[in-house]
PDB file of N, CA and C in Angstrom:
ATOM      1  N   MET A   1    -119.168-228.401 -85.599  1.00  0.00           N
ATOM      2  CA  MET A   1    -119.528-227.247 -86.386  1.00  0.00           C
ATOM      3  C   MET A   1    -119.300-225.966 -85.596  1.00  0.00           C
ATOM      4  N   GLU A   2    -119.645-225.986 -84.315  1.00  0.00           N
ATOM      5  CA  GLU A   2    -119.458-224.800 -83.497  1.00  0.00           C
ATOM      6  C   GLU A   2    -117.974-224.440 -83.389  1.00  0.00           C
ATOM      7  N   ALA A   3    -117.130-225.435 -83.184  1.00  0.00           N
ATOM      8  CA  ALA A   3    -115.691-225.175 -83.108  1.00  0.00           C
ATOM      9  C   ALA A   3    -115.192-224.575 -84.418  1.00  0.00           C
ATOM     10  N   LEU A   4    -115.622-225.142 -85.542  1.00  0.00           N
ATOM     11  CA  LEU A   4    -115.204-224.633 -86.852  1.00  0.00           C
ATOM     12  C   LEU A   4    -115.648-223.185 -87.037  1.00  0.00           C
ATOM     13  N   ALA A   5    -116.862-222.873 -86.636  1.00  0.00           N
ATOM     14  CA  ALA A   5    -117.383-221.516 -86.776  1.00  0.00           C
ATOM     15  C   ALA A   5    -116.571-220.503 -85.970  1.00  0.00           C
ATOM     16  N   HIS A   6    -115.890-220.983 -84.937  1.00  0.00           N
ATOM     17  CA  HIS A   6    -115.037-220.115 -84.116  1.00  0.00           C
ATOM     18  C   HIS A   6    -113.576-220.166 -84.557  1.00  0.00           C
ATOM     19  N   GLY A   7    -113.318-220.863 -85.663  1.00  0.00           N
ATOM     20  CA  GLY A   7    -111.968-220.908 -86.206  1.00  0.00           C
ATOM     21  C   GLY A   7    -111.080-221.981 -85.624  1.00  0.00           C
ATOM     22  N   LEU A   8    -111.676-222.931 -84.911  1.00  0.00           N
ATOM     23  CA  LEU A   8    -110.898-224.004 -84.300  1.00  0.00           C
ATOM     24  C   LEU A   8    -110.961-225.258 -85.158  1.00  0.00           C
ATOM     25  N   PRO A   9    -109.822-225.784 -85.572  1.00  0.00           N
ATOM     26  CA  PRO A   9    -109.821-227.016 -86.371  1.00  0.00           C
ATOM     27  C   PRO A   9    -110.318-228.192 -85.534  1.00  0.00           C
ATOM     28  N   VAL A  10    -110.843-229.189 -86.202  1.00  0.00           N
ATOM     29  CA  VAL A  10    -111.425-230.345 -85.517  1.00  0.00           C
ATOM     30  C   VAL A  10    -110.857-231.647 -86.063  1.00  0.00           C
ATOM     31  N   VAL A  11    -111.089-232.721 -85.322  1.00  0.00           N
ATOM     32  CA  VAL A  11    -110.725-234.070 -85.738  1.00  0.00           C
ATOM     33  C   VAL A  11    -111.986-234.910 -85.655  1.00  0.00           C
ATOM     34  N   GLY A  12    -112.226-235.717 -86.683  1.00  0.00           N
ATOM     35  CA  GLY A  12    -113.401-236.578 -86.670  1.00  0.00           C
ATOM     36  C   GLY A  12    -113.162-237.832 -87.484  1.00  0.00           C
ATOM     37  N   PHE A  13    -113.979-238.842 -87.239  1.00  0.00           N
ATOM     38  CA  PHE A  13    -113.886-240.107 -87.973  1.00  0.00           C
ATOM     39  C   PHE A  13    -114.595-240.010 -89.322  1.00  0.00           C
ATOM     40  N   GLU A  14    -113.959-240.531 -90.364  1.00  0.00           N
ATOM     41  CA  GLU A  14    -114.504-240.465 -91.716  1.00  0.00           C
ATOM     42  C   GLU A  14    -115.834-241.179 -91.868  1.00  0.00           C
ATOM     43  N   SER A  15    -116.090-242.194 -91.058  1.00  0.00           N
ATOM     44  CA  SER A  15    -117.334-242.954 -91.177  1.00  0.00           C
ATOM     45  C   SER A  15    -118.453-242.395 -90.310  1.00  0.00           C
ATOM     46  N   CYS A  16    -118.190-241.317 -89.609  1.00  0.00           N
ATOM     47  CA  CYS A  16    -119.211-240.680 -88.773  1.00  0.00           C
ATOM     48  C   CYS A  16    -120.059-239.771 -89.656  1.00  0.00           C
ATOM     49  N   SER A  17    -121.341-239.913 -89.568  1.00  0.00           N
ATOM     50  CA  SER A  17    -122.261-239.143 -90.397  1.00  0.00           C
ATOM     51  C   SER A  17    -122.010-237.641 -90.283  1.00  0.00           C
ATOM     52  N   GLY A  18    -121.840-236.997 -91.432  1.00  0.00           N
ATOM     53  CA  GLY A  18    -121.667-235.554 -91.498  1.00  0.00           C
ATOM     54  C   GLY A  18    -120.221-235.086 -91.479  1.00  0.00           C
ATOM     55  N   ILE A  19    -119.324-235.888 -90.960  1.00  0.00           N
ATOM     56  CA  ILE A  19    -117.922-235.469 -90.855  1.00  0.00           C
ATOM     57  C   ILE A  19    -117.299-235.222 -92.228  1.00  0.00           C
ATOM     58  N   PRO A  20    -117.470-236.126 -93.200  1.00  0.00           N
ATOM     59  CA  PRO A  20    -116.859-235.856 -94.511  1.00  0.00           C
ATOM     60  C   PRO A  20    -117.400-234.587 -95.183  1.00  0.00           C
ATOM     61  N   GLU A  21    -118.615-234.179 -94.837  1.00  0.00           N
ATOM     62  CA  GLU A  21    -119.187-232.961 -95.411  1.00  0.00           C
ATOM     63  C   GLU A  21    -118.634-231.708 -94.736  1.00  0.00           C
ATOM     64  N   LEU A  22    -118.171-231.830 -93.505  1.00  0.00           N
ATOM     65  CA  LEU A  22    -117.691-230.670 -92.759  1.00  0.00           C
ATOM     66  C   LEU A  22    -116.178-230.491 -92.770  1.00  0.00           C
ATOM     67  N   ILE A  23    -115.457-231.601 -92.670  1.00  0.00           N
ATOM     68  CA  ILE A  23    -114.007-231.505 -92.526  1.00  0.00           C
ATOM     69  C   ILE A  23    -113.311-231.745 -93.858  1.00  0.00           C
ATOM     70  N   VAL A  24    -112.457-230.814 -94.223  1.00  0.00           N
ATOM     71  CA  VAL A  24    -111.556-230.983 -95.367  1.00  0.00           C
ATOM     72  C   VAL A  24    -110.182-231.220 -94.759  1.00  0.00           C
ATOM     73  N   ASP A  25    -109.713-232.459 -94.877  1.00  0.00           N
ATOM     74  CA  ASP A  25    -108.479-232.874 -94.225  1.00  0.00           C
ATOM     75  C   ASP A  25    -107.323-231.925 -94.547  1.00  0.00           C
ATOM     76  N   GLY A  26    -106.714-231.378 -93.497  1.00  0.00           N
ATOM     77  CA  GLY A  26    -105.591-230.468 -93.658  1.00  0.00           C
ATOM     78  C   GLY A  26    -105.978-229.013 -93.863  1.00  0.00           C
ATOM     79  N   ARG A  27    -107.248-228.759 -94.142  1.00  0.00           N
ATOM     80  CA  ARG A  27    -107.705-227.374 -94.370  1.00  0.00           C
ATOM     81  C   ARG A  27    -108.402-226.809 -93.129  1.00  0.00           C
ATOM     82  N   ASN A  28    -109.335-227.581 -92.573  1.00  0.00           N
ATOM     83  CA  ASN A  28    -110.033-227.107 -91.379  1.00  0.00           C
ATOM     84  C   ASN A  28    -110.049-228.151 -90.266  1.00  0.00           C
ATOM     85  N   GLY A  29    -109.257-229.188 -90.452  1.00  0.00           N
ATOM     86  CA  GLY A  29    -109.172-230.244 -89.456  1.00  0.00           C
ATOM     87  C   GLY A  29    -108.504-231.468 -90.042  1.00  0.00           C
ATOM     88  N   VAL A  30    -108.676-232.574 -89.343  1.00  0.00           N
ATOM     89  CA  VAL A  30    -108.072-233.832 -89.782  1.00  0.00           C
ATOM     90  C   VAL A  30    -109.121-234.933 -89.653  1.00  0.00           C
ATOM     91  N   ILE A  31    -109.168-235.787 -90.656  1.00  0.00           N
ATOM     92  CA  ILE A  31    -110.096-236.914 -90.645  1.00  0.00           C
ATOM     93  C   ILE A  31    -109.346-238.178 -90.273  1.00  0.00           C
ATOM     94  N   ALA A  32    -109.865-238.866 -89.259  1.00  0.00           N
ATOM     95  CA  ALA A  32    -109.318-240.154 -88.845  1.00  0.00           C
ATOM     96  C   ALA A  32    -110.055-241.255 -89.603  1.00  0.00           C
ATOM     97  N   SER A  33    -109.334-242.275 -90.015  1.00  0.00           N
ATOM     98  CA  SER A  33    -109.978-243.353 -90.770  1.00  0.00           C
ATOM     99  C   SER A  33    -110.859-244.195 -89.852  1.00  0.00           C
ATOM    100  N   GLY A  34    -111.861-244.815 -90.458  1.00  0.00           N
ATOM    101  CA  GLY A  34    -112.751-245.699 -89.719  1.00  0.00           C
ATOM    102  C   GLY A  34    -113.789-244.969 -88.907  1.00  0.00           C
ATOM    103  N   MET A  35    -114.197-245.639 -87.810  1.00  0.00           N
ATOM    104  CA  MET A  35    -115.241-245.076 -86.968  1.00  0.00           C
ATOM    105  C   MET A  35    -114.876-245.100 -85.483  1.00  0.00           C
ATOM    106  N   ASP A  36    -114.175-246.110 -85.055  1.00  0.00           N
ATOM    107  CA  ASP A  36    -113.873-246.184 -83.624  1.00  0.00           C
ATOM    108  C   ASP A  36    -112.493-246.786 -83.363  1.00  0.00           C
ATOM    109  N   ASP A  37    -111.555-246.431 -84.205  1.00  0.00           N
ATOM    110  CA  ASP A  37    -110.194-246.945 -84.107  1.00  0.00           C
ATOM    111  C   ASP A  37    -109.347-245.962 -83.298  1.00  0.00           C
ATOM    112  N   ALA A  38    -108.967-246.372 -82.093  1.00  0.00           N
ATOM    113  CA  ALA A  38    -108.217-245.483 -81.200  1.00  0.00           C
ATOM    114  C   ALA A  38    -106.874-245.076 -81.797  1.00  0.00           C
ATOM    115  N   THR A  39    -106.219-245.988 -82.493  1.00  0.00           N
ATOM    116  CA  THR A  39    -104.926-245.678 -83.100  1.00  0.00           C
ATOM    117  C   THR A  39    -105.087-244.626 -84.187  1.00  0.00           C
ATOM    118  N   SER A  40    -106.111-244.784 -85.017  1.00  0.00           N
ATOM    119  CA  SER A  40    -106.381-243.811 -86.079  1.00  0.00           C
ATOM    120  C   SER A  40    -106.689-242.440 -85.486  1.00  0.00           C
ATOM    121  N   LEU A  41    -107.454-242.419 -84.414  1.00  0.00           N
ATOM    122  CA  LEU A  41    -107.787-241.153 -83.753  1.00  0.00           C
ATOM    123  C   LEU A  41    -106.526-240.512 -83.171  1.00  0.00           C
ATOM    124  N   ALA A  42    -105.695-241.301 -82.533  1.00  0.00           N
ATOM    125  CA  ALA A  42    -104.451-240.775 -81.966  1.00  0.00           C
ATOM    126  C   ALA A  42    -103.558-240.199 -83.057  1.00  0.00           C
ATOM    127  N   ASP A  43    -103.459-240.903 -84.181  1.00  0.00           N
ATOM    128  CA  ASP A  43    -102.653-240.415 -85.313  1.00  0.00           C
ATOM    129  C   ASP A  43    -103.207-239.096 -85.847  1.00  0.00           C
ATOM    130  N   ALA A  44    -104.540-239.012 -85.950  1.00  0.00           N
ATOM    131  CA  ALA A  44    -105.172-237.792 -86.470  1.00  0.00           C
ATOM    132  C   ALA A  44    -104.971-236.621 -85.501  1.00  0.00           C
ATOM    133  N   LEU A  45    -105.071-236.881 -84.219  1.00  0.00           N
ATOM    134  CA  LEU A  45    -104.846-235.829 -83.226  1.00  0.00           C
ATOM    135  C   LEU A  45    -103.401-235.337 -83.271  1.00  0.00           C
ATOM    136  N   LEU A  46    -102.477-236.255 -83.421  1.00  0.00           N
ATOM    137  CA  LEU A  46    -101.069-235.879 -83.526  1.00  0.00           C
ATOM    138  C   LEU A  46    -100.830-235.035 -84.777  1.00  0.00           C
ATOM    139  N   LYS A  47    -101.415-235.471 -85.907  1.00  0.00           N
ATOM    140  CA  LYS A  47    -101.283-234.712 -87.155  1.00  0.00           C
ATOM    141  C   LYS A  47    -101.875-233.310 -86.990  1.00  0.00           C
ATOM    142  N   ALA A  48    -103.027-233.226 -86.351  1.00  0.00           N
ATOM    143  CA  ALA A  48    -103.680-231.928 -86.156  1.00  0.00           C
ATOM    144  C   ALA A  48    -102.827-231.017 -85.280  1.00  0.00           C
ATOM    145  N   SER A  49    -102.189-231.593 -84.273  1.00  0.00           N
ATOM    146  CA  SER A  49    -101.381-230.768 -83.375  1.00  0.00           C
ATOM    147  C   SER A  49    -100.125-230.223 -84.050  1.00  0.00           C
ATOM    148  N   LYS A  50     -99.721-230.857 -85.138  1.00  0.00           N
ATOM    149  CA  LYS A  50     -98.519-230.427 -85.856  1.00  0.00           C
ATOM    150  C   LYS A  50     -98.835-229.577 -87.088  1.00  0.00           C
ATOM    151  N   THR A  51    -100.105-229.359 -87.359  1.00  0.00           N
ATOM    152  CA  THR A  51    -100.528-228.629 -88.553  1.00  0.00           C
ATOM    153  C   THR A  51    -100.868-227.181 -88.195  1.00  0.00           C
ATOM    154  N   GLN A  52    -100.395-226.263 -89.025  1.00  0.00           N
ATOM    155  CA  GLN A  52    -100.750-224.852 -88.857  1.00  0.00           C
ATOM    156  C   GLN A  52    -102.039-224.587 -89.633  1.00  0.00           C
ATOM    157  N   PHE A  53    -103.107-224.309 -88.935  1.00  0.00           N
ATOM    158  CA  PHE A  53    -104.392-224.009 -89.564  1.00  0.00           C
ATOM    159  C   PHE A  53    -104.633-222.508 -89.520  1.00  0.00           C
ATOM    160  N   SER A  54    -105.199-221.973 -90.581  1.00  0.00           N
ATOM    161  CA  SER A  54    -105.585-220.570 -90.624  1.00  0.00           C
ATOM    162  C   SER A  54    -106.968-220.416 -89.995  1.00  0.00           C
ATOM    163  N   THR A  55    -107.052-219.589 -88.964  1.00  0.00           N
ATOM    164  CA  THR A  55    -108.328-219.356 -88.299  1.00  0.00           C
ATOM    165  C   THR A  55    -109.393-218.889 -89.286  1.00  0.00           C
ATOM    166  N   ASN A  56    -109.038-217.981 -90.183  1.00  0.00           N
ATOM    167  CA  ASN A  56    -110.012-217.462 -91.156  1.00  0.00           C
ATOM    168  C   ASN A  56    -110.472-218.531 -92.131  1.00  0.00           C
ATOM    169  N   ILE A  57    -109.567-219.371 -92.589  1.00  0.00           N
ATOM    170  CA  ILE A  57    -109.952-220.453 -93.507  1.00  0.00           C
ATOM    171  C   ILE A  57    -110.870-221.436 -92.798  1.00  0.00           C
ATOM    172  N   VAL A  58    -110.545-221.750 -91.549  1.00  0.00           N
ATOM    173  CA  VAL A  58    -111.399-222.670 -90.788  1.00  0.00           C
ATOM    174  C   VAL A  58    -112.790-222.071 -90.623  1.00  0.00           C
ATOM    175  N   LYS A  59    -112.877-220.802 -90.242  1.00  0.00           N
ATOM    176  CA  LYS A  59    -114.183-220.142 -90.081  1.00  0.00           C
ATOM    177  C   LYS A  59    -114.960-220.138 -91.398  1.00  0.00           C
ATOM    178  N   ASP A  60    -114.278-219.783 -92.475  1.00  0.00           N
ATOM    179  CA  ASP A  60    -114.940-219.693 -93.779  1.00  0.00           C
ATOM    180  C   ASP A  60    -115.443-221.044 -94.274  1.00  0.00           C
ATOM    181  N   SER A  61    -114.853-222.119 -93.797  1.00  0.00           N
ATOM    182  CA  SER A  61    -115.221-223.451 -94.291  1.00  0.00           C
ATOM    183  C   SER A  61    -116.654-223.849 -93.941  1.00  0.00           C
ATOM    184  N   VAL A  62    -117.264-223.173 -92.979  1.00  0.00           N
ATOM    185  CA  VAL A  62    -118.628-223.535 -92.578  1.00  0.00           C
ATOM    186  C   VAL A  62    -119.636-222.400 -92.771  1.00  0.00           C
ATOM    187  N   LYS A  63    -119.247-221.345 -93.467  1.00  0.00           N
ATOM    188  CA  LYS A  63    -120.168-220.223 -93.678  1.00  0.00           C
ATOM    189  C   LYS A  63    -121.439-220.640 -94.413  1.00  0.00           C
ATOM    190  N   GLU A  64    -121.325-221.617 -95.291  1.00  0.00           N
ATOM    191  CA  GLU A  64    -122.510-222.044 -96.039  1.00  0.00           C
ATOM    192  C   GLU A  64    -123.572-222.682 -95.143  1.00  0.00           C
ATOM    193  N   PHE A  65    -123.205-223.022 -93.907  1.00  0.00           N
ATOM    194  CA  PHE A  65    -124.142-223.663 -92.991  1.00  0.00           C
ATOM    195  C   PHE A  65    -124.758-222.685 -91.997  1.00  0.00           C
ATOM    196  N   ASP A  66    -124.609-221.366 -92.228  1.00  0.00           N
ATOM    197  CA  ASP A  66    -125.182-220.408 -91.285  1.00  0.00           C
ATOM    198  C   ASP A  66    -126.708-220.398 -91.396  1.00  0.00           C
ATOM    199  N   PHE A  67    -127.366-219.779 -90.428  1.00  0.00           N
ATOM    200  CA  PHE A  67    -128.819-219.839 -90.347  1.00  0.00           C
ATOM    201  C   PHE A  67    -129.532-219.278 -91.576  1.00  0.00           C
ATOM    202  N   PRO A  68    -129.146-218.103 -92.092  1.00  0.00           N
ATOM    203  CA  PRO A  68    -129.844-217.597 -93.282  1.00  0.00           C
ATOM    204  C   PRO A  68    -129.748-218.562 -94.477  1.00  0.00           C
ATOM    205  N   ASN A  69    -128.593-219.183 -94.672  1.00  0.00           N
ATOM    206  CA  ASN A  69    -128.459-220.148 -95.766  1.00  0.00           C
ATOM    207  C   ASN A  69    -129.299-221.391 -95.506  1.00  0.00           C
ATOM    208  N   PHE A  70    -129.358-221.825 -94.240  1.00  0.00           N
ATOM    209  CA  PHE A  70    -130.191-222.966 -93.878  1.00  0.00           C
ATOM    210  C   PHE A  70    -131.652-222.693 -94.219  1.00  0.00           C
ATOM    211  N   VAL A  71    -132.138-221.509 -93.829  1.00  0.00           N
ATOM    212  CA  VAL A  71    -133.533-221.142 -94.096  1.00  0.00           C
ATOM    213  C   VAL A  71    -133.780-221.092 -95.598  1.00  0.00           C
ATOM    214  N   GLN A  72    -132.872-220.493 -96.347  1.00  0.00           N
ATOM    215  CA  GLN A  72    -133.029-220.389 -97.797  1.00  0.00           C
ATOM    216  C   GLN A  72    -133.081-221.768 -98.442  1.00  0.00           C
ATOM    217  N   LYS A  73    -132.193-222.653 -98.037  1.00  0.00           N
ATOM    218  CA  LYS A  73    -132.189-224.006 -98.610  1.00  0.00           C
ATOM    219  C   LYS A  73    -133.464-224.754 -98.246  1.00  0.00           C
ATOM    220  N   TRP A  74    -133.958-224.561 -97.043  1.00  0.00           N
ATOM    221  CA  TRP A  74    -135.204-225.197 -96.623  1.00  0.00           C
ATOM    222  C   TRP A  74    -136.371-224.664 -97.466  1.00  0.00           C
ATOM    223  N   GLU A  75    -136.435-223.359 -97.629  1.00  0.00           N
ATOM    224  CA  GLU A  75    -137.500-222.774 -98.422  1.00  0.00           C
ATOM    225  C   GLU A  75    -137.419-223.225 -99.873  1.00  0.00           C
ATOM    226  N   ASP A  76    -136.233-223.297-100.423  1.00  0.00           N
ATOM    227  CA  ASP A  76    -136.052-223.786-101.779  1.00  0.00           C
ATOM    228  C   ASP A  76    -136.534-225.226-101.929  1.00  0.00           C
ATOM    229  N   SER A  77    -136.284-226.040-100.917  1.00  0.00           N
ATOM    230  CA  SER A  77    -136.656-227.451-100.994  1.00  0.00           C
ATOM    231  C   SER A  77    -138.160-227.678-100.927  1.00  0.00           C
ATOM    232  N   ILE A  78    -138.881-226.743-100.272  1.00  0.00           N
ATOM    233  CA  ILE A  78    -140.336-226.907-100.186  1.00  0.00           C
ATOM    234  C   ILE A  78    -141.091-225.997-101.156  1.00  0.00           C
ATOM    235  N   GLY A  79    -140.335-225.258-101.980  1.00  0.00           N
ATOM    236  CA  GLY A  79    -140.955-224.455-103.012  1.00  0.00           C
ATOM    237  C   GLY A  79    -141.551-223.138-102.550  1.00  0.00           C
ATOM    238  N   VAL A  80    -141.006-222.542-101.511  1.00  0.00           N
ATOM    239  CA  VAL A  80    -141.518-221.246-101.014  1.00  0.00           C
ATOM    240  C   VAL A  80    -140.959-220.130-101.856  1.00  0.00           C
TER     241      VAL A  80
END
């Protein structure tokens, strides 16, 4: 999340908790299939290295997770 907030694309495994919610394949990073497949990770890293990512699009992809939105969603969930 920190890398995304700074405009850096990321690579993550699709079966890792939270990754499918953060990474949009080809938009702000690349998703590797499975959870611990070295070949899949290598393929995803290679794909990421060949992809032109927009720094602004990557940054914007995680704006909904900023602190003020987190607080608002928390307050909404507890009825404040």
